[in-house]
Protein backbone atom coordinates (compact mmCIF):
# COMPACT_ATOMS: atom_id res chain seq x y z
CA MET A 1 6.68 -11.03 10.01
CA ALA A 2 3.10 -12.27 10.35
CA GLN A 3 -0.05 -10.40 10.96
CA SER A 4 -3.28 -11.59 12.32
CA GLN A 5 -6.42 -10.60 10.53
CA GLY A 6 -8.58 -11.31 13.59
CA GLY A 7 -11.14 -13.64 11.79
CA ALA A 8 -14.75 -12.90 12.30
CA THR A 9 -14.31 -10.47 15.06
CA GLY A 10 -12.34 -8.13 12.87
CA ALA A 11 -8.89 -6.89 13.93
CA VAL A 12 -8.88 -4.44 10.93
CA SER A 13 -9.73 -0.80 12.01
CA SER A 14 -12.61 0.92 10.72
CA PRO A 15 -11.98 2.88 7.36
CA VAL A 16 -13.20 6.03 9.22
CA SER A 17 -10.12 5.99 11.48
CA GLY A 18 -6.97 7.57 10.16
CA ASN A 19 -4.70 4.94 11.68
CA GLY A 20 -4.67 1.46 12.60
CA PRO A 21 -3.95 -1.92 10.85
CA LEU A 22 -5.48 -0.87 7.52
CA CYS A 23 -3.51 2.29 7.28
CA ASP A 24 -0.33 0.35 8.33
CA TRP A 25 -1.00 -2.20 5.71
CA ILE A 26 -1.28 0.45 3.06
CA ASP A 27 1.83 2.28 4.30
CA THR A 28 3.73 -1.10 4.07
CA GLN A 29 2.46 -1.89 0.55
CA ALA A 30 3.16 1.70 -0.79
CA GLY A 31 6.71 1.33 0.65
CA VAL A 32 7.40 -2.06 -1.03
CA LEU A 33 6.04 -0.68 -4.34
CA GLY A 34 8.44 2.27 -3.94
CA LEU A 35 11.34 -0.11 -3.51
CA TRP A 36 10.36 -2.01 -6.67
CA LEU A 37 10.07 1.10 -8.66
CA ASP A 38 13.64 2.22 -7.58
CA ARG A 39 14.90 -1.22 -8.48
CA LEU A 40 13.14 -1.18 -11.94
CA ILE A 41 14.23 2.28 -12.77
CA GLU A 42 17.84 1.30 -11.77
CA GLN A 43 18.00 -1.89 -13.79
CA GLY A 44 15.91 -0.84 -16.69
CA ASP A 45 12.32 -1.71 -17.52
CA PRO A 46 11.89 -3.66 -20.89
CA ASP A 47 8.34 -4.71 -19.97
CA ASP A 48 7.19 -1.26 -18.90
CA LEU A 49 6.45 -2.60 -15.40
CA VAL A 50 7.40 0.79 -13.87
CA SER A 51 4.03 2.28 -15.24
CA LEU A 52 1.90 -0.65 -13.62
CA VAL A 53 3.73 -0.35 -10.28
CA HIS A 54 3.49 3.37 -10.27
CA ARG A 55 -0.20 3.26 -10.87
CA GLN A 56 -0.64 0.66 -7.98
CA GLN A 57 1.43 2.89 -5.70
CA ALA A 58 -0.53 5.98 -6.69
CA TRP A 59 -3.85 4.06 -6.03
CA LEU A 60 -2.61 3.05 -2.51
CA GLU A 61 -1.66 6.67 -1.68
CA LEU A 62 -5.15 7.80 -2.78
CA MET A 63 -6.74 5.21 -0.55
CA ARG A 64 -4.53 6.24 2.37
CA ASP A 65 -5.45 9.86 2.03
CA ARG A 66 -9.12 9.00 1.73
CA ILE A 67 -9.07 6.95 4.85
CA ARG A 68 -7.24 9.58 6.91
CA ARG A 69 -9.64 12.25 5.84
CA GLY A 70 -12.56 10.10 6.81
């Protein structure tokens, strides 16, 4: 599944819009991080990766909310 970034013309939506490619990307990344969290919790986490992945997921959710609020 490849996505085009649009080069210099910019296919990425403006941060003021509450939807579009940027929000789609954030949603996808937050979903992937959620899957990793589930897997790490299920298998155990000797290196404390859950904390790192959880912080990244929380940051993405904060960015998503900020973009949607405008």
